[in-house]
């Protein structure tokens, strides 16, 4: 019985002093990103998701700007894909992308911004389930480290203009 009382007391202390070993977050406040678009310009990086964009001098400042604009808290841990736009994959090292992006996120490149991302996402989800050759963020990073670079999958023209 003493053990149960001690456990309950420890639980109450942890809760009252907010000493949990992980950050507690109300899920209703999260802005969950499914697709993150990346664009680079002369001395700028732009991240875009759901019509909201953040631009900065480097990836960290671009993410900060994006976090300031999204309603709620930016949540990248469930992102399914990253799309490099207009040759951004040549200028931005994948290891410079936010650490919150999952290593299993699929990586694409496109010469232009997709016309209607809402229509494109279900098509990409279906392709990702069927095709096994779409590179992931982990494969891109490993390719750089091993000296055998992996290119993002080309976002096909018909889908980019949907």
N, C-alpha and C. Protein backbone atom coordinates (compact mmCIF):
# COMPACT_ATOMS: atom_id res chain seq x y z
N UNK A 1 0.82 -1.19 0.00
CA UNK A 1 0.00 0.00 0.00
C UNK A 1 0.87 1.26 0.00
N UNK A 2 2.03 1.19 0.70
CA UNK A 2 2.93 2.33 0.74
C UNK A 2 3.43 2.69 -0.66
N UNK A 3 3.72 1.64 -1.45
CA UNK A 3 4.22 1.87 -2.80
C UNK A 3 3.21 2.63 -3.65
N UNK A 4 1.94 2.26 -3.52
CA UNK A 4 0.89 2.93 -4.30
C UNK A 4 0.75 4.39 -3.88
N UNK A 5 0.86 4.65 -2.62
CA UNK A 5 0.76 6.03 -2.13
C UNK A 5 1.97 6.84 -2.61
N UNK A 6 3.15 6.25 -2.57
CA UNK A 6 4.34 6.95 -3.06
C UNK A 6 4.24 7.23 -4.56
N UNK A 7 3.76 6.27 -5.32
CA UNK A 7 3.59 6.45 -6.76
C UNK A 7 2.59 7.57 -7.05
N UNK A 8 1.49 7.57 -6.33
CA UNK A 8 0.48 8.61 -6.51
C UNK A 8 1.04 9.97 -6.14
N UNK A 9 1.80 10.05 -5.05
CA UNK A 9 2.42 11.32 -4.64
C UNK A 9 3.41 11.80 -5.69
N UNK A 10 4.22 10.89 -6.23
CA UNK A 10 5.18 11.26 -7.27
C UNK A 10 4.46 11.76 -8.52
N UNK A 11 3.39 11.10 -8.88
CA UNK A 11 2.60 11.51 -10.04
C UNK A 11 2.05 12.92 -9.84
N UNK A 12 1.52 13.20 -8.67
CA UNK A 12 0.95 14.51 -8.37
C UNK A 12 2.03 15.59 -8.41
N UNK A 13 3.20 15.30 -7.85
CA UNK A 13 4.30 16.26 -7.87
C UNK A 13 4.75 16.54 -9.30
N UNK A 14 4.90 15.48 -10.11
CA UNK A 14 5.28 15.66 -11.52
C UNK A 14 4.28 16.53 -12.25
N UNK A 15 3.02 16.29 -12.00
CA UNK A 15 1.97 17.03 -12.69
C UNK A 15 1.92 18.48 -12.23
N UNK A 16 1.98 18.71 -10.94
CA UNK A 16 1.89 20.08 -10.41
C UNK A 16 3.09 20.93 -10.81
N UNK A 17 4.26 20.35 -10.82
CA UNK A 17 5.47 21.10 -11.15
C UNK A 17 5.83 21.02 -12.64
N UNK A 18 5.01 20.34 -13.41
CA UNK A 18 5.22 20.17 -14.86
C UNK A 18 6.64 19.66 -15.14
N UNK A 19 7.00 18.57 -14.51
CA UNK A 19 8.33 17.97 -14.66
C UNK A 19 8.33 16.74 -15.56
N UNK A 20 7.36 16.65 -16.45
CA UNK A 20 7.29 15.48 -17.34
C UNK A 20 8.51 15.45 -18.25
N UNK A 21 8.99 14.28 -18.59
CA UNK A 21 10.19 14.17 -19.43
C UNK A 21 9.91 14.49 -20.90
N UNK A 22 8.68 14.78 -21.25
CA UNK A 22 8.31 15.10 -22.62
C UNK A 22 7.34 16.27 -22.59
N UNK A 23 7.31 17.01 -23.69
CA UNK A 23 6.44 18.17 -23.77
C UNK A 23 5.00 17.72 -23.99
N UNK A 24 4.10 18.24 -23.18
CA UNK A 24 2.69 17.92 -23.33
C UNK A 24 2.05 18.99 -24.21
N UNK A 25 1.27 18.56 -25.17
CA UNK A 25 0.67 19.50 -26.11
C UNK A 25 -0.77 19.08 -26.39
N UNK A 26 -1.65 20.04 -26.40
CA UNK A 26 -3.04 19.78 -26.76
C UNK A 26 -3.09 19.61 -28.28
N UNK A 27 -3.49 18.45 -28.75
CA UNK A 27 -3.45 18.16 -30.18
C UNK A 27 -4.34 19.08 -31.00
N UNK A 28 -5.34 19.67 -30.39
CA UNK A 28 -6.21 20.57 -31.16
C UNK A 28 -5.49 21.86 -31.54
N UNK A 29 -4.36 22.15 -30.92
CA UNK A 29 -3.61 23.37 -31.25
C UNK A 29 -2.54 23.13 -32.30
N UNK A 30 -2.34 21.88 -32.72
CA UNK A 30 -1.28 21.57 -33.67
C UNK A 30 -1.69 21.87 -35.10
N UNK A 31 -0.78 22.44 -35.87
CA UNK A 31 -0.97 22.62 -37.31
C UNK A 31 -0.12 21.53 -37.96
N UNK A 32 -0.77 20.45 -38.36
CA UNK A 32 -0.06 19.28 -38.87
C UNK A 32 0.26 19.47 -40.36
N UNK A 33 1.52 19.32 -40.68
CA UNK A 33 2.01 19.49 -42.05
C UNK A 33 2.08 18.12 -42.71
N UNK A 34 1.41 17.99 -43.86
CA UNK A 34 1.50 16.75 -44.62
C UNK A 34 2.52 16.87 -45.74
N UNK A 35 2.55 18.03 -46.39
CA UNK A 35 3.49 18.28 -47.48
C UNK A 35 4.19 19.60 -47.23
N UNK A 36 5.51 19.58 -47.26
CA UNK A 36 6.31 20.79 -47.08
C UNK A 36 7.00 21.08 -48.40
N UNK A 37 6.75 22.27 -48.93
CA UNK A 37 7.40 22.69 -50.16
C UNK A 37 8.59 23.58 -49.81
N UNK A 38 9.68 23.38 -50.54
CA UNK A 38 10.92 24.11 -50.29
C UNK A 38 11.32 24.85 -51.56
N UNK A 39 11.61 26.13 -51.41
CA UNK A 39 12.08 26.93 -52.54
C UNK A 39 13.25 27.77 -52.06
N UNK A 40 14.26 27.91 -52.91
CA UNK A 40 15.39 28.75 -52.57
C UNK A 40 15.49 29.87 -53.58
N UNK A 41 15.95 31.00 -53.10
CA UNK A 41 16.20 32.15 -53.96
C UNK A 41 17.59 32.66 -53.67
N UNK A 42 17.94 33.79 -54.25
CA UNK A 42 19.25 34.33 -53.92
C UNK A 42 19.28 34.74 -52.45
N UNK A 43 20.00 33.99 -51.67
CA UNK A 43 20.20 34.26 -50.24
C UNK A 43 18.94 34.09 -49.39
N UNK A 44 17.93 33.35 -49.89
CA UNK A 44 16.73 33.10 -49.09
C UNK A 44 16.29 31.65 -49.21
N UNK A 45 15.55 31.21 -48.21
CA UNK A 45 14.92 29.89 -48.22
C UNK A 45 13.46 30.12 -47.86
N UNK A 46 12.55 29.46 -48.59
CA UNK A 46 11.13 29.58 -48.33
C UNK A 46 10.55 28.20 -48.10
N UNK A 47 9.81 28.04 -47.00
CA UNK A 47 9.05 26.84 -46.72
C UNK A 47 7.58 27.19 -46.86
N UNK A 48 6.83 26.30 -47.52
CA UNK A 48 5.42 26.56 -47.78
C UNK A 48 4.60 25.32 -47.46
N UNK A 49 3.46 25.54 -46.83
CA UNK A 49 2.54 24.44 -46.56
C UNK A 49 1.13 25.00 -46.43
N UNK A 50 0.19 24.40 -47.07
CA UNK A 50 -1.20 24.80 -46.95
C UNK A 50 -1.45 26.27 -47.25
N UNK A 51 -0.74 26.84 -48.22
CA UNK A 51 -0.95 28.24 -48.57
C UNK A 51 -0.24 29.23 -47.65
N UNK A 52 0.47 28.73 -46.65
CA UNK A 52 1.20 29.60 -45.72
C UNK A 52 2.68 29.43 -46.00
N UNK A 53 3.42 30.53 -46.02
CA UNK A 53 4.84 30.41 -46.28
C UNK A 53 5.66 31.24 -45.31
N UNK A 54 6.88 30.77 -45.12
CA UNK A 54 7.84 31.48 -44.28
C UNK A 54 9.15 31.58 -45.03
N UNK A 55 9.68 32.79 -45.12
CA UNK A 55 10.92 33.03 -45.84
C UNK A 55 11.96 33.60 -44.90
N UNK A 56 13.18 33.11 -45.02
CA UNK A 56 14.27 33.61 -44.19
C UNK A 56 15.60 33.45 -44.89
N UNK A 57 16.64 33.95 -44.24
CA UNK A 57 17.99 33.87 -44.81
C UNK A 57 18.54 32.45 -44.78
N UNK A 58 18.03 31.65 -43.85
CA UNK A 58 18.47 30.26 -43.74
C UNK A 58 17.26 29.41 -43.34
N UNK A 59 17.40 28.07 -43.40
CA UNK A 59 16.24 27.22 -43.07
C UNK A 59 15.67 27.47 -41.68
N UNK A 60 16.51 27.72 -40.70
CA UNK A 60 16.03 27.94 -39.33
C UNK A 60 15.15 29.19 -39.25
N UNK A 61 15.58 30.27 -39.87
CA UNK A 61 14.77 31.50 -39.82
C UNK A 61 13.50 31.36 -40.66
N UNK A 62 13.56 30.59 -41.76
CA UNK A 62 12.36 30.37 -42.57
C UNK A 62 11.32 29.58 -41.78
N UNK A 63 11.77 28.58 -41.02
CA UNK A 63 10.85 27.80 -40.18
C UNK A 63 10.26 28.68 -39.09
N UNK A 64 11.07 29.57 -38.50
CA UNK A 64 10.56 30.49 -37.48
C UNK A 64 9.46 31.37 -38.05
N UNK A 65 9.65 31.89 -39.26
CA UNK A 65 8.64 32.73 -39.91
C UNK A 65 7.36 31.93 -40.19
N UNK A 66 7.56 30.67 -40.61
CA UNK A 66 6.41 29.81 -40.87
C UNK A 66 5.65 29.52 -39.58
N UNK A 67 6.38 29.27 -38.50
CA UNK A 67 5.75 29.01 -37.20
C UNK A 67 4.94 30.22 -36.74
N UNK A 68 5.44 31.43 -37.04
CA UNK A 68 4.73 32.65 -36.65
C UNK A 68 3.40 32.81 -37.39
N UNK A 69 3.31 32.26 -38.60
CA UNK A 69 2.14 32.48 -39.44
C UNK A 69 1.06 31.41 -39.34
N UNK A 70 1.44 30.18 -38.93
CA UNK A 70 0.44 29.12 -38.89
C UNK A 70 -0.48 29.29 -37.68
N UNK A 71 -1.75 28.90 -37.84
CA UNK A 71 -2.65 28.95 -36.68
C UNK A 71 -2.34 27.78 -35.76
N UNK A 72 -1.88 28.05 -34.58
CA UNK A 72 -1.50 26.98 -33.65
C UNK A 72 -0.02 26.73 -33.70
N UNK A 73 0.37 25.52 -33.33
CA UNK A 73 1.78 25.15 -33.27
C UNK A 73 2.14 24.28 -34.47
N UNK A 74 3.20 24.67 -35.19
CA UNK A 74 3.66 23.93 -36.36
C UNK A 74 4.13 22.54 -35.94
N UNK A 75 3.59 21.51 -36.59
CA UNK A 75 3.93 20.12 -36.25
C UNK A 75 4.41 19.42 -37.51
N UNK A 76 5.71 19.20 -37.60
CA UNK A 76 6.32 18.59 -38.79
C UNK A 76 6.56 17.10 -38.66
N UNK A 77 6.36 16.53 -37.49
CA UNK A 77 6.73 15.14 -37.24
C UNK A 77 5.90 14.12 -38.02
N UNK A 78 4.79 14.54 -38.60
CA UNK A 78 3.98 13.61 -39.39
C UNK A 78 4.00 13.95 -40.88
N UNK A 79 4.94 14.80 -41.29
CA UNK A 79 5.02 15.16 -42.70
C UNK A 79 5.28 13.92 -43.54
N UNK A 80 4.53 13.79 -44.63
CA UNK A 80 4.66 12.62 -45.51
C UNK A 80 5.65 12.86 -46.64
N UNK A 81 5.80 14.14 -47.03
CA UNK A 81 6.65 14.41 -48.19
C UNK A 81 7.21 15.82 -48.15
N UNK A 82 8.34 15.97 -48.84
CA UNK A 82 8.99 17.26 -49.04
C UNK A 82 9.13 17.43 -50.55
N UNK A 83 8.71 18.58 -51.05
CA UNK A 83 8.82 18.86 -52.49
C UNK A 83 9.76 20.05 -52.68
N UNK A 84 10.90 19.80 -53.33
CA UNK A 84 11.84 20.86 -53.67
C UNK A 84 11.34 21.50 -54.97
N UNK A 85 11.18 22.80 -54.97
CA UNK A 85 10.66 23.52 -56.13
C UNK A 85 11.77 24.29 -56.85
N UNK A 86 11.68 24.33 -58.16
CA UNK A 86 12.53 25.16 -59.01
C UNK A 86 14.03 24.98 -58.74
N UNK A 87 14.46 23.73 -58.57
CA UNK A 87 15.87 23.43 -58.41
C UNK A 87 16.42 23.64 -57.00
N UNK A 88 15.56 23.77 -56.03
CA UNK A 88 16.01 24.02 -54.66
C UNK A 88 16.87 22.88 -54.12
N UNK A 89 16.68 21.66 -54.64
CA UNK A 89 17.47 20.52 -54.16
C UNK A 89 18.95 20.68 -54.48
N UNK A 90 19.28 21.52 -55.46
CA UNK A 90 20.69 21.74 -55.82
C UNK A 90 21.37 22.71 -54.85
N UNK A 91 20.59 23.56 -54.20
CA UNK A 91 21.16 24.61 -53.37
C UNK A 91 20.99 24.39 -51.87
N UNK A 92 20.07 23.53 -51.49
CA UNK A 92 19.81 23.32 -50.07
C UNK A 92 20.14 21.89 -49.69
N UNK A 93 21.08 21.75 -48.81
CA UNK A 93 21.49 20.44 -48.32
C UNK A 93 20.34 19.85 -47.50
N UNK A 94 19.94 18.60 -47.77
CA UNK A 94 18.85 17.99 -47.00
C UNK A 94 19.08 17.98 -45.50
N UNK A 95 20.35 17.95 -45.08
CA UNK A 95 20.61 17.97 -43.64
C UNK A 95 20.32 19.33 -43.02
N UNK A 96 20.10 20.36 -43.86
CA UNK A 96 19.75 21.69 -43.35
C UNK A 96 18.24 21.81 -43.11
N UNK A 97 17.48 20.82 -43.56
CA UNK A 97 16.04 20.83 -43.32
C UNK A 97 15.77 20.66 -41.83
N UNK A 98 14.60 21.08 -41.37
CA UNK A 98 14.30 20.98 -39.93
C UNK A 98 14.42 19.54 -39.42
N UNK A 99 14.98 19.41 -38.22
CA UNK A 99 15.16 18.09 -37.61
C UNK A 99 13.84 17.41 -37.31
N UNK A 100 12.77 18.17 -37.19
CA UNK A 100 11.46 17.59 -36.86
C UNK A 100 10.88 16.78 -38.02
N UNK A 101 11.38 16.99 -39.23
CA UNK A 101 10.88 16.21 -40.37
C UNK A 101 11.27 14.75 -40.19
N UNK A 102 10.33 13.83 -40.40
CA UNK A 102 10.66 12.41 -40.25
C UNK A 102 11.62 11.93 -41.35
N UNK A 103 12.51 11.04 -40.98
CA UNK A 103 13.48 10.51 -41.94
C UNK A 103 12.81 9.73 -43.06
N UNK A 104 11.60 9.24 -42.81
CA UNK A 104 10.87 8.47 -43.81
C UNK A 104 10.03 9.31 -44.76
N UNK A 105 10.12 10.64 -44.66
CA UNK A 105 9.35 11.50 -45.57
C UNK A 105 9.86 11.34 -46.99
N UNK A 106 8.95 11.17 -47.94
CA UNK A 106 9.32 11.04 -49.34
C UNK A 106 9.76 12.40 -49.88
N UNK A 107 10.71 12.36 -50.82
CA UNK A 107 11.28 13.60 -51.34
C UNK A 107 11.08 13.67 -52.84
N UNK A 108 10.52 14.80 -53.29
CA UNK A 108 10.25 15.04 -54.71
C UNK A 108 10.92 16.34 -55.12
N UNK A 109 11.01 16.52 -56.44
CA UNK A 109 11.45 17.80 -56.99
C UNK A 109 10.52 18.15 -58.15
N UNK A 110 10.35 19.44 -58.36
CA UNK A 110 9.48 19.91 -59.42
C UNK A 110 10.02 21.23 -59.97
N UNK A 111 9.92 21.38 -61.29
CA UNK A 111 10.38 22.62 -61.91
C UNK A 111 9.47 23.79 -61.54
N UNK A 112 8.23 23.49 -61.27
CA UNK A 112 7.25 24.53 -60.92
C UNK A 112 6.47 24.11 -59.68
N UNK A 113 5.79 25.06 -59.10
CA UNK A 113 4.93 24.78 -57.95
C UNK A 113 3.68 24.05 -58.44
N UNK A 114 3.27 22.96 -57.78
CA UNK A 114 2.04 22.27 -58.19
C UNK A 114 0.84 23.22 -58.14
N UNK A 115 -0.01 23.13 -59.16
CA UNK A 115 -1.14 24.05 -59.26
C UNK A 115 -2.14 23.84 -58.13
N UNK A 116 -2.49 22.61 -57.84
CA UNK A 116 -3.49 22.34 -56.81
C UNK A 116 -2.99 21.20 -55.92
N UNK A 117 -2.35 21.58 -54.84
CA UNK A 117 -1.75 20.59 -53.95
C UNK A 117 -2.79 19.70 -53.29
N UNK A 118 -3.98 20.22 -53.03
CA UNK A 118 -5.03 19.42 -52.40
C UNK A 118 -5.44 18.24 -53.28
N UNK A 119 -5.47 18.43 -54.59
CA UNK A 119 -5.79 17.34 -55.51
C UNK A 119 -4.60 16.41 -55.70
N UNK A 120 -3.40 16.97 -55.59
CA UNK A 120 -2.18 16.20 -55.82
C UNK A 120 -1.86 15.25 -54.67
N UNK A 121 -2.13 15.65 -53.44
CA UNK A 121 -1.76 14.84 -52.27
C UNK A 121 -2.34 13.42 -52.30
N UNK A 122 -3.63 13.22 -52.62
CA UNK A 122 -4.14 11.84 -52.67
C UNK A 122 -3.46 11.00 -53.76
N UNK A 123 -3.11 11.62 -54.87
CA UNK A 123 -2.42 10.90 -55.96
C UNK A 123 -1.04 10.47 -55.48
N UNK A 124 -0.33 11.38 -54.82
CA UNK A 124 1.00 11.05 -54.31
C UNK A 124 0.93 9.97 -53.23
N UNK A 125 -0.07 10.05 -52.38
CA UNK A 125 -0.24 9.02 -51.33
C UNK A 125 -0.42 7.65 -51.96
N UNK A 126 -1.22 7.56 -53.01
CA UNK A 126 -1.43 6.29 -53.70
C UNK A 126 -0.14 5.80 -54.35
N UNK A 127 0.60 6.71 -54.98
CA UNK A 127 1.86 6.33 -55.61
C UNK A 127 2.86 5.83 -54.56
N UNK A 128 2.91 6.50 -53.44
CA UNK A 128 3.86 6.13 -52.39
C UNK A 128 3.57 4.75 -51.82
N UNK A 129 2.31 4.34 -51.87
CA UNK A 129 1.96 3.01 -51.39
C UNK A 129 2.33 1.94 -52.40
N UNK A 130 2.31 2.29 -53.69
CA UNK A 130 2.58 1.32 -54.74
C UNK A 130 4.05 1.25 -55.14
N UNK A 131 4.68 2.39 -55.24
CA UNK A 131 6.07 2.44 -55.71
C UNK A 131 7.04 2.35 -54.54
N UNK A 132 8.09 1.62 -54.75
CA UNK A 132 9.11 1.47 -53.70
C UNK A 132 10.39 2.24 -54.04
N UNK A 133 10.40 2.94 -55.18
CA UNK A 133 11.61 3.62 -55.61
C UNK A 133 11.63 5.12 -55.30
N UNK A 134 10.65 5.62 -54.58
CA UNK A 134 10.62 7.04 -54.24
C UNK A 134 11.57 7.24 -53.06
N UNK A 135 12.59 8.09 -53.23
CA UNK A 135 13.57 8.26 -52.16
C UNK A 135 12.99 8.98 -50.94
N UNK A 136 13.56 8.66 -49.81
CA UNK A 136 13.15 9.30 -48.56
C UNK A 136 14.23 10.29 -48.13
N UNK A 137 13.89 11.09 -47.16
CA UNK A 137 14.85 12.06 -46.63
C UNK A 137 16.09 11.36 -46.09
N UNK A 138 15.90 10.22 -45.44
CA UNK A 138 17.05 9.46 -44.91
C UNK A 138 17.96 8.99 -46.04
N UNK A 139 17.39 8.55 -47.15
CA UNK A 139 18.20 8.09 -48.28
C UNK A 139 19.00 9.24 -48.89
N UNK A 140 18.40 10.43 -48.96
CA UNK A 140 19.13 11.59 -49.47
C UNK A 140 20.30 11.93 -48.56
N UNK A 141 20.06 11.95 -47.26
CA UNK A 141 21.13 12.27 -46.31
C UNK A 141 22.22 11.21 -46.34
N UNK A 142 21.84 9.94 -46.39
CA UNK A 142 22.82 8.86 -46.46
C UNK A 142 23.63 8.93 -47.75
N UNK A 143 22.97 9.28 -48.84
CA UNK A 143 23.66 9.41 -50.12
C UNK A 143 24.73 10.49 -50.09
N UNK A 144 24.45 11.58 -49.42
CA UNK A 144 25.44 12.66 -49.30
C UNK A 144 26.62 12.19 -48.46
N UNK A 145 26.33 11.51 -47.35
CA UNK A 145 27.40 11.03 -46.47
C UNK A 145 28.26 9.96 -47.14
N UNK A 146 27.64 9.11 -47.94
CA UNK A 146 28.39 8.02 -48.58
C UNK A 146 29.07 8.45 -49.88
N UNK A 147 28.77 9.64 -50.35
CA UNK A 147 29.36 10.12 -51.60
C UNK A 147 28.65 9.60 -52.83
N UNK A 148 27.52 8.98 -52.65
CA UNK A 148 26.72 8.46 -53.76
C UNK A 148 25.35 9.15 -53.70
N UNK A 149 25.28 10.40 -54.17
CA UNK A 149 24.05 11.18 -54.01
C UNK A 149 22.82 10.55 -54.64
N UNK A 150 21.71 10.70 -53.95
CA UNK A 150 20.41 10.21 -54.42
C UNK A 150 19.59 11.44 -54.81
N UNK A 151 18.94 11.38 -55.96
CA UNK A 151 18.12 12.49 -56.41
C UNK A 151 16.67 12.30 -55.96
N UNK A 152 16.00 13.40 -55.62
CA UNK A 152 14.57 13.29 -55.32
C UNK A 152 13.81 12.81 -56.55
N UNK A 153 12.66 12.20 -56.33
CA UNK A 153 11.82 11.73 -57.44
C UNK A 153 11.25 12.95 -58.16
N UNK A 154 11.16 12.83 -59.46
CA UNK A 154 10.59 13.91 -60.26
C UNK A 154 9.08 13.91 -60.09
N UNK A 155 8.54 15.08 -59.76
CA UNK A 155 7.10 15.22 -59.67
C UNK A 155 6.60 15.34 -61.10
N UNK A 156 5.87 14.35 -61.54
CA UNK A 156 5.50 14.26 -62.95
C UNK A 156 4.69 15.46 -63.38
N UNK A 157 4.92 15.89 -64.64
CA UNK A 157 4.28 17.07 -65.18
C UNK A 157 2.78 17.06 -65.10
N UNK A 158 2.14 15.91 -65.36
CA UNK A 158 0.69 15.85 -65.33
C UNK A 158 0.15 16.10 -63.92
N UNK A 159 0.92 15.67 -62.91
CA UNK A 159 0.46 15.88 -61.53
C UNK A 159 0.78 17.29 -61.05
N UNK A 160 1.89 17.83 -61.55
CA UNK A 160 2.28 19.17 -61.12
C UNK A 160 1.29 20.21 -61.64
N UNK A 161 0.63 19.93 -62.76
CA UNK A 161 -0.32 20.88 -63.34
C UNK A 161 -1.76 20.56 -63.00
N UNK A 162 -2.01 19.64 -62.08
CA UNK A 162 -3.38 19.22 -61.76
C UNK A 162 -4.27 20.38 -61.46
